[in-house]
Amino acid sequence: MKLVADLHFHSKYSRAVSPQMELPNLAEWGRKKGINLLTTTDFTHPLWFRELKTKLKEIRPGIYQFTNNISPLFIFTTEISLMFNHHRIHLLIFAPNLETVEKINQVLEKQGFNLISDGRPIFGISAIELIKIIKDISPKIFFLPAHIWSPWFSLFGSRSGFDSIKDCFGNYSSEITAIETGISSDPLMNWQIKELGTRVITSSSDAHSLKNLGREATVFELPEKFVYNDIITALKTPYKPKFSGPHVSSTIEFYPEEGKYHYTGHRKCNICHSPKDSEKLGTTCPVCGKPLTVGVMHRVKKLSRQKKIIPKIKFINGLRTFYHPQNIHHPYLTLVPLREVIAEAEGVKSQTQKVKEKYEAAVNNLGGEINILTKTPLQKIAKILGEKIADGIDKNRRGDISIEPGYDGVYGKVKIWGKEDGEKEKKQQMGLF
């Protein structure tokens, strides 16, 4: 069966995270989003771990349920921030059960690490050292590099100090069988990197608020009564079309241009450069003379293979889908979140009450957000939300939008209805008279 999962975000115990990121709310918003499997997240934090122990029930090996909710289900993952010798990386840790999580926390505390300071704690050691410390607790512990292109804390980011998996993980490189794209990159950009040839590409939201859950997600093909081991098997299994065992079958992506580190730039001086601009102008701010924050596109181009991979694009029931030309990686979709579509259709900001009411009407009458964005018939959407929003979702599915790329911490700006749409709408209105 196909199962939608978001396996990286944060609890209220992490810095700069909404206090609403609690288990009851996560379960409810998982339903709204149409997500079947969530992470417990931040399991190293003592107060959060206490809540996880009292509020989650194991229903199958490694699979947990919040109180009596049938869906979404939960597994244990957490994110660790590693800062050492001018290197920076964020690493996701998957654990098979509550007992293993407790052992991991005990071992880390004995090493002298401060776990209560942050839900995503900072350790002054390398990825190799961290893996050495906790690897032997259980052979079922799994490690996955997070948002691998983020400039500041990632495997390939411009400020990380690494240019390869081997640089970062040394003799443990073979155990890194999967990576996470991050908001500012998509699978196509990762296909360009030779070292990622057969590694599994995953996507998760890295959400700090409930509304951002599921903005990126991974779709697994798993047995109906799947267990934790099935998920790990999928994360170790290179993609093969029509493969019947556990595997990642596709991902749902944020538009990478919408990510806040897609292009190179300097926010304070309003400077934004494409990779071609960077080649001509360099990576020094022309206004203040300080270094620009090197964007994801710039880094991908620097580390990519010589021959560029061009995707195959298919429209299946009006939904644009990207395929690897040799089928060695799973297909993927790129979508604008529903709240953004509603906001632009209504001409208001996404956090307004009007958008909230429309969004609630959508998920309560049409099912989860992911289903609305990808499958729900447009006629049904129009009946509940109106013709303009239905048209926006149709354009979203077809990729008929424009985006001003993000840079240096500034999110990209999406336009679903451009100038041509405005002229068309104006003519239609004139025709009424």
Protein backbone atom coordinates (compact mmCIF):
# COMPACT_ATOMS: atom_id res chain seq x y z
CA MET A 1 0.00 0.00 0.00
CA LYS A 2 1.03 3.62 -0.56
CA LEU A 3 1.65 5.69 2.56
CA VAL A 4 2.46 9.41 2.83
CA ALA A 5 5.07 10.26 5.49
CA ASP A 6 6.60 13.41 6.96
CA LEU A 7 9.59 12.28 9.03
CA HIS A 8 11.36 15.53 9.88
CA PHE A 9 9.93 18.51 11.77
CA HIS A 10 10.19 19.84 15.33
CA SER A 11 8.35 19.92 18.65
CA LYS A 12 7.62 22.91 20.86
CA TYR A 13 10.89 22.19 22.68
CA SER A 14 13.04 23.28 19.73
CA ARG A 15 14.11 26.87 19.22
CA ALA A 16 11.99 29.11 16.99
CA VAL A 17 9.17 26.54 16.92
CA SER A 18 5.48 27.15 17.56
CA PRO A 19 4.24 26.16 21.05
CA GLN A 20 1.37 24.42 19.24
CA MET A 21 3.72 21.65 18.02
CA GLU A 22 2.36 19.08 20.50
CA LEU A 23 1.21 15.49 19.97
CA PRO A 24 -2.59 16.11 19.86
CA ASN A 25 -2.15 18.95 17.37
CA LEU A 26 0.35 16.99 15.27
CA ALA A 27 -2.09 14.09 15.04
CA GLU A 28 -4.95 16.43 14.07
CA TRP A 29 -2.92 18.30 11.46
CA GLY A 30 -1.59 15.05 10.09
CA ARG A 31 -5.22 14.21 9.35
CA LYS A 32 -5.84 17.61 7.76
CA LYS A 33 -2.78 17.25 5.57
CA GLY A 34 -3.55 13.67 4.55
CA ILE A 35 -0.35 12.27 6.10
CA ASN A 36 -0.39 8.65 7.24
CA LEU A 37 2.93 8.53 9.11
CA LEU A 38 4.65 11.18 11.24
CA THR A 39 7.79 11.35 13.33
CA THR A 40 7.70 11.79 17.08
CA THR A 41 10.58 14.26 16.52
CA ASP A 42 13.05 15.72 19.06
CA PHE A 43 13.23 12.50 21.10
CA THR A 44 16.45 13.53 22.88
CA HIS A 45 14.71 16.29 24.86
CA PRO A 46 13.92 15.00 28.40
CA LEU A 47 10.55 16.78 28.78
CA TRP A 48 9.38 15.80 25.31
CA PHE A 49 10.57 12.22 25.81
CA ARG A 50 8.47 12.06 28.99
CA GLU A 51 5.39 13.03 26.97
CA LEU A 52 6.19 10.46 24.29
CA LYS A 53 6.44 7.71 26.90
CA THR A 54 3.05 8.52 28.43
CA LYS A 55 1.02 9.42 25.32
CA LEU A 56 2.13 6.93 22.66
CA LYS A 57 1.20 3.26 22.42
CA GLU A 58 3.11 0.72 20.33
CA ILE A 59 0.68 -1.13 18.06
CA ARG A 60 3.24 -2.99 15.91
CA PRO A 61 7.03 -3.29 16.21
CA GLY A 62 8.35 0.28 16.07
CA ILE A 63 4.98 1.78 15.03
CA TYR A 64 3.17 3.96 17.56
CA GLN A 65 -0.28 5.47 17.94
CA PHE A 66 -1.34 8.63 19.77
CA THR A 67 -4.11 7.64 22.24
CA ASN A 68 -6.88 6.06 20.16
CA ASN A 69 -6.20 7.81 16.85
CA ILE A 70 -5.99 5.34 14.00
CA SER A 71 -4.07 7.72 11.74
CA PRO A 72 -1.54 9.18 11.52
CA LEU A 73 0.86 6.73 13.08
CA PHE A 74 4.30 7.63 14.49
CA ILE A 75 7.89 6.41 14.43
CA PHE A 76 10.86 7.74 16.40
CA THR A 77 13.28 10.12 14.69
CA THR A 78 15.22 13.16 15.85
CA GLU A 79 17.66 15.72 14.45
CA ILE A 80 21.11 16.48 15.88
CA SER A 81 23.14 19.59 15.01
CA LEU A 82 26.88 18.89 14.77
CA MET A 83 29.40 21.76 14.82
CA PHE A 84 33.09 20.87 14.82
CA ASN A 85 36.36 22.17 13.28
CA HIS A 86 34.56 24.70 11.04
CA HIS A 87 32.19 21.96 9.83
CA ARG A 88 28.41 21.98 10.30
CA ILE A 89 25.87 19.28 9.56
CA HIS A 90 22.40 18.25 10.69
CA LEU A 91 21.81 14.51 10.98
CA LEU A 92 18.53 12.61 11.39
CA ILE A 93 18.51 9.54 13.64
CA PHE A 94 15.84 6.84 13.31
CA ALA A 95 15.24 4.54 16.31
CA PRO A 96 13.28 1.25 16.32
CA ASN A 97 11.38 1.73 19.58
CA LEU A 98 10.94 3.63 22.83
CA GLU A 99 13.44 1.44 24.67
CA THR A 100 16.18 2.19 22.15
CA VAL A 101 15.43 5.92 22.34
CA GLU A 102 15.87 5.78 26.11
CA LYS A 103 19.23 4.04 25.71
CA ILE A 104 20.38 6.62 23.14
CA ASN A 105 19.47 9.44 25.50
CA GLN A 106 21.26 7.78 28.41
CA VAL A 107 24.44 7.26 26.37
CA LEU A 108 24.42 10.87 25.15
CA GLU A 109 23.91 12.18 28.69
CA LYS A 110 26.85 10.07 29.94
CA GLN A 111 28.97 11.68 27.23
CA GLY A 112 28.17 15.04 28.83
CA PHE A 113 25.88 16.43 26.12
CA ASN A 114 23.23 18.94 27.19
CA LEU A 115 19.95 17.45 25.96
CA ILE A 116 17.55 19.82 27.71
CA SER A 117 18.90 22.99 26.04
CA ASP A 118 17.07 22.40 22.75
CA GLY A 119 14.86 19.83 21.03
CA ARG A 120 17.50 19.82 18.30
CA PRO A 121 20.64 19.77 20.48
CA ILE A 122 24.05 21.00 19.31
CA PHE A 123 27.04 18.68 19.80
CA GLY A 124 30.65 19.67 19.21
CA ILE A 125 31.61 16.39 17.54
CA SER A 126 31.74 15.00 14.00
CA ALA A 127 29.15 12.80 12.32
CA ILE A 128 31.66 9.93 12.49
CA GLU A 129 32.03 10.36 16.26
CA LEU A 130 28.27 10.53 16.83
CA ILE A 131 27.66 7.35 14.83
CA LYS A 132 30.43 5.58 16.78
CA ILE A 133 28.83 6.59 20.10
CA ILE A 134 25.31 5.28 19.42
CA LYS A 135 25.59 2.81 16.56
CA ASP A 136 26.12 -0.26 18.75
CA ILE A 137 23.05 0.42 20.89
CA SER A 138 20.96 -1.26 18.20
CA PRO A 139 21.68 -2.46 14.64
CA LYS A 140 18.30 -1.00 13.69
CA ILE A 141 19.35 2.64 14.29
CA PHE A 142 19.48 4.49 10.96
CA PHE A 143 21.23 7.73 10.00
CA LEU A 144 20.10 10.15 7.28
CA PRO A 145 21.67 13.55 6.42
CA ALA A 146 19.07 16.33 6.68
CA HIS A 147 18.35 19.06 4.07
CA ILE A 148 21.67 18.31 2.39
CA TRP A 149 22.01 21.60 0.47
CA SER A 150 21.18 24.17 3.15
CA PRO A 151 24.12 26.66 3.18
CA TRP A 152 24.53 26.62 6.95
CA PHE A 153 24.06 23.11 8.36
CA SER A 154 24.16 20.33 5.80
CA LEU A 155 26.18 17.75 3.90
CA PHE A 156 26.76 19.75 0.70
CA GLY A 157 25.95 23.30 1.85
CA SER A 158 28.40 26.09 1.04
CA ARG A 159 29.26 26.65 4.73
CA SER A 160 29.38 22.98 5.77
CA GLY A 161 32.98 22.33 4.76
CA PHE A 162 32.16 19.10 2.87
CA ASP A 163 32.05 18.30 -0.84
CA SER A 164 31.25 14.58 -0.57
CA ILE A 165 29.65 11.93 1.63
CA LYS A 166 33.10 10.39 2.14
CA ASP A 167 34.44 13.71 3.49
CA CYS A 168 31.74 13.76 6.14
CA PHE A 169 31.14 10.10 7.04
CA GLY A 170 34.45 8.39 6.26
CA ASN A 171 34.21 4.62 6.74
CA TYR A 172 30.51 4.93 7.54
CA SER A 173 29.72 6.29 4.05
CA SER A 174 28.24 2.97 2.89
CA GLU A 175 25.67 3.20 5.69
CA ILE A 176 24.36 6.51 4.32
CA THR A 177 21.88 5.00 1.87
CA ALA A 178 19.38 7.89 1.84
CA ILE A 179 19.39 11.69 1.94
CA GLU A 180 16.81 14.45 2.45
CA THR A 181 16.42 17.08 -0.29
CA GLY A 182 15.48 20.07 1.89
CA ILE A 183 13.12 22.88 0.92
CA SER A 184 15.53 24.62 -1.50
CA SER A 185 16.26 21.57 -3.68
CA ASP A 186 14.26 18.90 -5.48
CA PRO A 187 15.16 15.39 -6.73
CA LEU A 188 16.14 16.68 -10.19
CA MET A 189 18.86 18.84 -8.64
CA ASN A 190 20.07 15.84 -6.63
CA TRP A 191 20.08 13.60 -9.71
CA GLN A 192 22.94 15.74 -11.02
CA ILE A 193 25.27 14.51 -8.25
CA LYS A 194 27.11 11.33 -9.20
CA GLU A 195 27.66 10.28 -5.57
CA LEU A 196 23.87 10.09 -5.07
CA GLY A 197 23.54 7.63 -7.96
CA THR A 198 21.69 4.81 -6.19
CA ARG A 199 20.98 6.49 -2.86
CA VAL A 200 17.34 6.97 -1.89
CA ILE A 201 16.06 10.55 -2.07
CA THR A 202 13.54 11.53 0.61
CA SER A 203 11.66 14.72 1.43
CA SER A 204 10.14 16.03 4.65
CA SER A 205 8.76 19.38 5.77
CA ASP A 206 11.25 20.38 8.52
CA ALA A 207 8.19 22.27 9.79
CA HIS A 208 8.36 24.62 12.76
CA SER A 209 4.59 25.24 12.71
CA LEU A 210 1.52 23.09 12.15
CA LYS A 211 0.48 24.70 8.88
CA ASN A 212 3.80 23.72 7.27
CA LEU A 213 3.49 20.01 7.99
CA GLY A 214 3.57 18.00 4.79
CA ARG A 215 4.78 20.84 2.57
CA GLU A 216 7.26 18.16 1.53
CA ALA A 217 6.62 14.46 2.04
CA THR A 218 7.81 10.97 1.08
CA VAL A 219 5.45 8.36 -0.37
CA PHE A 220 6.38 4.80 0.63
CA GLU A 221 5.18 1.51 -0.83
CA LEU A 222 4.82 -0.74 2.24
CA PRO A 223 2.95 -3.85 3.43
CA GLU A 224 -0.48 -3.15 4.91
CA LYS A 225 0.69 -4.07 8.43
CA PHE A 226 4.08 -2.41 8.03
CA VAL A 227 6.59 -2.24 10.88
CA TYR A 228 9.63 -0.03 11.56
CA ASN A 229 11.95 -2.48 9.74
CA ASP A 230 9.91 -2.06 6.54
CA ILE A 231 10.54 1.69 6.56
CA ILE A 232 14.29 1.21 7.05
CA THR A 233 14.35 -1.42 4.30
CA ALA A 234 12.69 1.10 1.99
CA LEU A 235 15.34 3.70 2.88
CA LYS A 236 18.06 1.21 1.94
CA THR A 237 16.49 0.02 -1.32
CA PRO A 238 17.43 1.76 -4.60
CA TYR A 239 14.42 2.59 -6.76
CA LYS A 240 13.25 0.05 -9.35
CA PRO A 241 10.01 0.50 -11.32
CA LYS A 242 7.35 -2.09 -10.40
CA PHE A 243 9.40 -3.38 -7.47
CA SER A 244 7.06 -5.17 -5.04
CA GLY A 245 9.08 -4.90 -1.80
CA PRO A 246 9.21 -1.91 0.60
CA HIS A 247 10.56 1.16 -1.20
CA VAL A 248 10.14 4.90 -1.69
CA SER A 249 7.77 5.27 -4.64
CA SER A 250 7.69 9.08 -5.00
CA THR A 251 8.11 12.37 -3.18
CA ILE A 252 5.99 15.51 -2.92
CA GLU A 253 8.14 18.63 -3.19
CA PHE A 254 7.95 22.31 -2.35
CA TYR A 255 9.01 24.33 -5.39
CA PRO A 256 12.78 24.66 -4.70
CA GLU A 257 12.70 28.25 -5.98
CA GLU A 258 10.34 28.99 -3.11
CA GLY A 259 12.98 27.89 -0.61
CA LYS A 260 14.89 30.62 1.18
CA TYR A 261 18.36 29.56 -0.01
CA HIS A 262 17.73 28.69 -3.65
CA TYR A 263 19.78 31.52 -5.19
CA THR A 264 22.96 33.23 -4.00
CA GLY A 265 22.45 36.62 -2.37
CA HIS A 266 22.58 39.10 0.48
CA ARG A 267 19.27 39.94 2.13
CA LYS A 268 20.37 43.19 3.79
CA CYS A 269 21.52 44.66 0.48
CA ASN A 270 18.67 43.16 -1.60
CA ILE A 271 21.14 41.29 -3.83
CA CYS A 272 20.00 38.07 -5.53
CA HIS A 273 22.14 36.20 -8.09
CA SER A 274 21.43 33.19 -10.28
CA PRO A 275 24.32 30.71 -10.82
CA LYS A 276 25.15 32.51 -14.09
CA ASP A 277 25.25 35.84 -12.26
CA SER A 278 27.54 34.32 -9.63
CA GLU A 279 29.94 33.05 -12.31
CA LYS A 280 30.24 36.56 -13.75
CA LEU A 281 30.06 38.64 -10.57
CA GLY A 282 31.55 36.32 -7.93
CA THR A 283 30.25 35.74 -4.42
CA THR A 284 31.07 39.09 -2.84
CA CYS A 285 28.22 41.54 -2.25
CA PRO A 286 28.62 44.45 -4.71
CA VAL A 287 26.94 46.81 -2.23
CA CYS A 288 28.68 46.17 1.12
CA GLY A 289 31.64 43.99 0.13
CA LYS A 290 30.71 41.13 2.51
CA PRO A 291 30.48 37.48 1.35
CA LEU A 292 27.16 36.52 -0.22
CA THR A 293 25.29 33.47 1.09
CA VAL A 294 25.97 30.93 -1.65
CA GLY A 295 22.69 29.39 -2.76
CA VAL A 296 21.73 25.80 -3.44
CA MET A 297 21.67 26.16 -7.23
CA HIS A 298 25.22 27.51 -7.18
CA ARG A 299 26.44 24.56 -5.09
CA VAL A 300 24.59 21.97 -7.20
CA LYS A 301 26.20 23.37 -10.33
CA LYS A 302 29.64 23.29 -8.72
CA LEU A 303 29.37 19.65 -7.58
CA SER A 304 27.30 18.23 -10.46
CA ARG A 305 28.34 15.74 -13.09
CA GLN A 306 29.43 17.12 -16.46
CA LYS A 307 26.46 15.83 -18.47
CA LYS A 308 23.22 17.35 -17.19
CA ILE A 309 20.32 14.96 -16.56
CA ILE A 310 17.07 16.06 -18.22
CA PRO A 311 13.85 14.69 -16.69
CA LYS A 312 10.95 13.14 -18.53
CA ILE A 313 7.73 15.00 -17.78
CA LYS A 314 4.35 13.28 -17.91
CA PHE A 315 0.89 14.65 -17.19
CA ILE A 316 -1.15 11.96 -15.45
CA ASN A 317 -4.78 13.02 -14.95
CA GLY A 318 -3.63 16.62 -15.31
CA LEU A 319 -0.88 16.24 -12.68
CA ARG A 320 2.66 17.08 -13.82
CA THR A 321 5.11 14.35 -12.74
CA PHE A 322 8.89 14.27 -13.19
CA TYR A 323 10.66 10.99 -14.07
CA HIS A 324 14.34 10.10 -14.20
CA PRO A 325 15.24 9.29 -17.84
CA GLN A 326 16.81 5.93 -16.84
CA ASN A 327 14.27 5.21 -14.05
CA ILE A 328 16.99 4.81 -11.42
CA HIS A 329 15.23 7.26 -9.07
CA HIS A 330 11.60 7.59 -8.07
CA PRO A 331 9.30 10.15 -9.77
CA TYR A 332 8.18 13.28 -7.94
CA LEU A 333 5.60 16.07 -7.89
CA THR A 334 6.15 19.75 -7.16
CA LEU A 335 3.26 21.65 -5.56
CA VAL A 336 2.38 24.98 -3.97
CA PRO A 337 0.67 24.47 -0.55
CA LEU A 338 -3.12 24.83 -0.49
CA ARG A 339 -3.12 27.84 1.86
CA GLU A 340 -0.97 29.79 -0.62
CA VAL A 341 -3.34 28.97 -3.48
CA ILE A 342 -6.34 30.11 -1.42
CA ALA A 343 -4.58 33.29 -0.30
CA GLU A 344 -3.68 34.39 -3.82
CA ALA A 345 -7.14 33.55 -5.13
CA GLU A 346 -8.71 35.65 -2.37
CA GLY A 347 -6.14 38.45 -2.64
CA VAL A 348 -5.15 38.22 1.05
CA LYS A 349 -2.22 36.97 3.14
CA SER A 350 -2.09 33.27 3.99
CA GLN A 351 -2.43 33.81 7.76
CA THR A 352 -5.75 35.68 7.54
CA GLN A 353 -9.02 34.38 8.97
CA LYS A 354 -10.55 34.13 5.49
CA VAL A 355 -7.84 31.70 4.37
CA LYS A 356 -8.19 29.72 7.58
CA GLU A 357 -11.96 29.32 7.06
CA LYS A 358 -11.57 28.27 3.42
CA TYR A 359 -8.81 25.83 4.33
CA GLU A 360 -10.93 24.22 7.08
CA ALA A 361 -13.87 23.95 4.67
CA ALA A 362 -11.58 22.24 2.17
CA VAL A 363 -10.07 19.61 4.46
CA ASN A 364 -13.36 18.90 6.26
CA ASN A 365 -15.36 18.42 3.07
CA LEU A 366 -12.81 17.21 0.52
CA GLY A 367 -10.32 15.17 2.57
CA GLY A 368 -6.65 15.82 3.31
CA GLU A 369 -4.71 18.66 1.66
CA ILE A 370 -2.41 16.36 -0.32
CA ASN A 371 -5.42 14.57 -1.81
CA ILE A 372 -7.04 17.92 -2.70
CA LEU A 373 -3.90 19.15 -4.44
CA THR A 374 -3.36 15.96 -6.43
CA LYS A 375 -6.56 13.94 -6.94
CA THR A 376 -9.85 15.60 -5.98
CA PRO A 377 -11.96 16.41 -9.09
CA LEU A 378 -11.90 20.12 -9.86
CA GLN A 379 -15.71 20.25 -9.99
CA LYS A 380 -15.89 19.14 -6.35
CA ILE A 381 -13.28 21.71 -5.38
CA ALA A 382 -15.17 24.48 -7.18
CA LYS A 383 -18.40 23.52 -5.41
CA ILE A 384 -16.80 23.94 -1.96
CA LEU A 385 -14.15 26.61 -2.56
CA GLY A 386 -15.22 28.43 -5.72
CA GLU A 387 -14.09 28.49 -9.35
CA LYS A 388 -11.04 30.71 -8.79
CA ILE A 389 -9.46 28.37 -6.23
CA ALA A 390 -10.28 25.34 -8.38
CA ASP A 391 -8.55 27.08 -11.30
CA GLY A 392 -5.53 27.78 -9.06
CA ILE A 393 -5.30 24.13 -8.06
CA ASP A 394 -5.53 23.11 -11.71
CA LYS A 395 -2.67 25.50 -12.59
CA ASN A 396 -0.76 24.18 -9.58
CA ARG A 397 -1.12 20.59 -10.79
CA ARG A 398 0.08 21.53 -14.27
CA GLY A 399 3.00 23.65 -13.02
CA ASP A 400 1.55 26.72 -14.73
CA ILE A 401 2.92 29.23 -12.20
CA SER A 402 5.83 31.65 -11.84
CA ILE A 403 8.23 32.07 -8.90
CA GLU A 404 10.69 34.74 -7.89
CA PRO A 405 13.51 32.63 -6.32
CA GLY A 406 14.38 32.89 -2.63
CA TYR A 407 17.86 33.79 -1.35
CA ASP A 408 19.79 34.36 1.91
CA GLY A 409 16.88 33.55 4.23
CA VAL A 410 14.17 35.17 2.05
CA TYR A 411 11.46 32.80 0.81
CA GLY A 412 10.67 32.85 -2.91
CA LYS A 413 7.46 34.52 -4.08
CA VAL A 414 4.89 32.44 -5.96
CA LYS A 415 2.51 33.87 -8.56
CA ILE A 416 -0.20 31.49 -9.72
CA TRP A 417 -2.06 34.10 -11.75
CA GLY A 418 0.29 36.23 -13.81
CA LYS A 419 -0.21 39.21 -16.08
CA GLU A 420 -1.70 37.08 -18.88
CA ASP A 421 -4.26 35.62 -16.49
CA GLY A 422 -5.19 39.10 -15.33
CA GLU A 423 -5.77 40.30 -18.91
CA LYS A 424 -7.81 37.17 -19.68
CA GLU A 425 -9.95 37.65 -16.58
CA LYS A 426 -10.45 41.35 -17.42
CA LYS A 427 -11.65 40.46 -20.95
CA GLN A 428 -14.05 37.87 -19.52
CA GLN A 429 -15.46 40.44 -17.12
CA MET A 430 -15.85 42.97 -19.95
CA GLY A 431 -17.66 40.31 -22.00
CA LEU A 432 -20.31 40.06 -19.30
CA PHE A 433 -21.35 43.60 -20.11
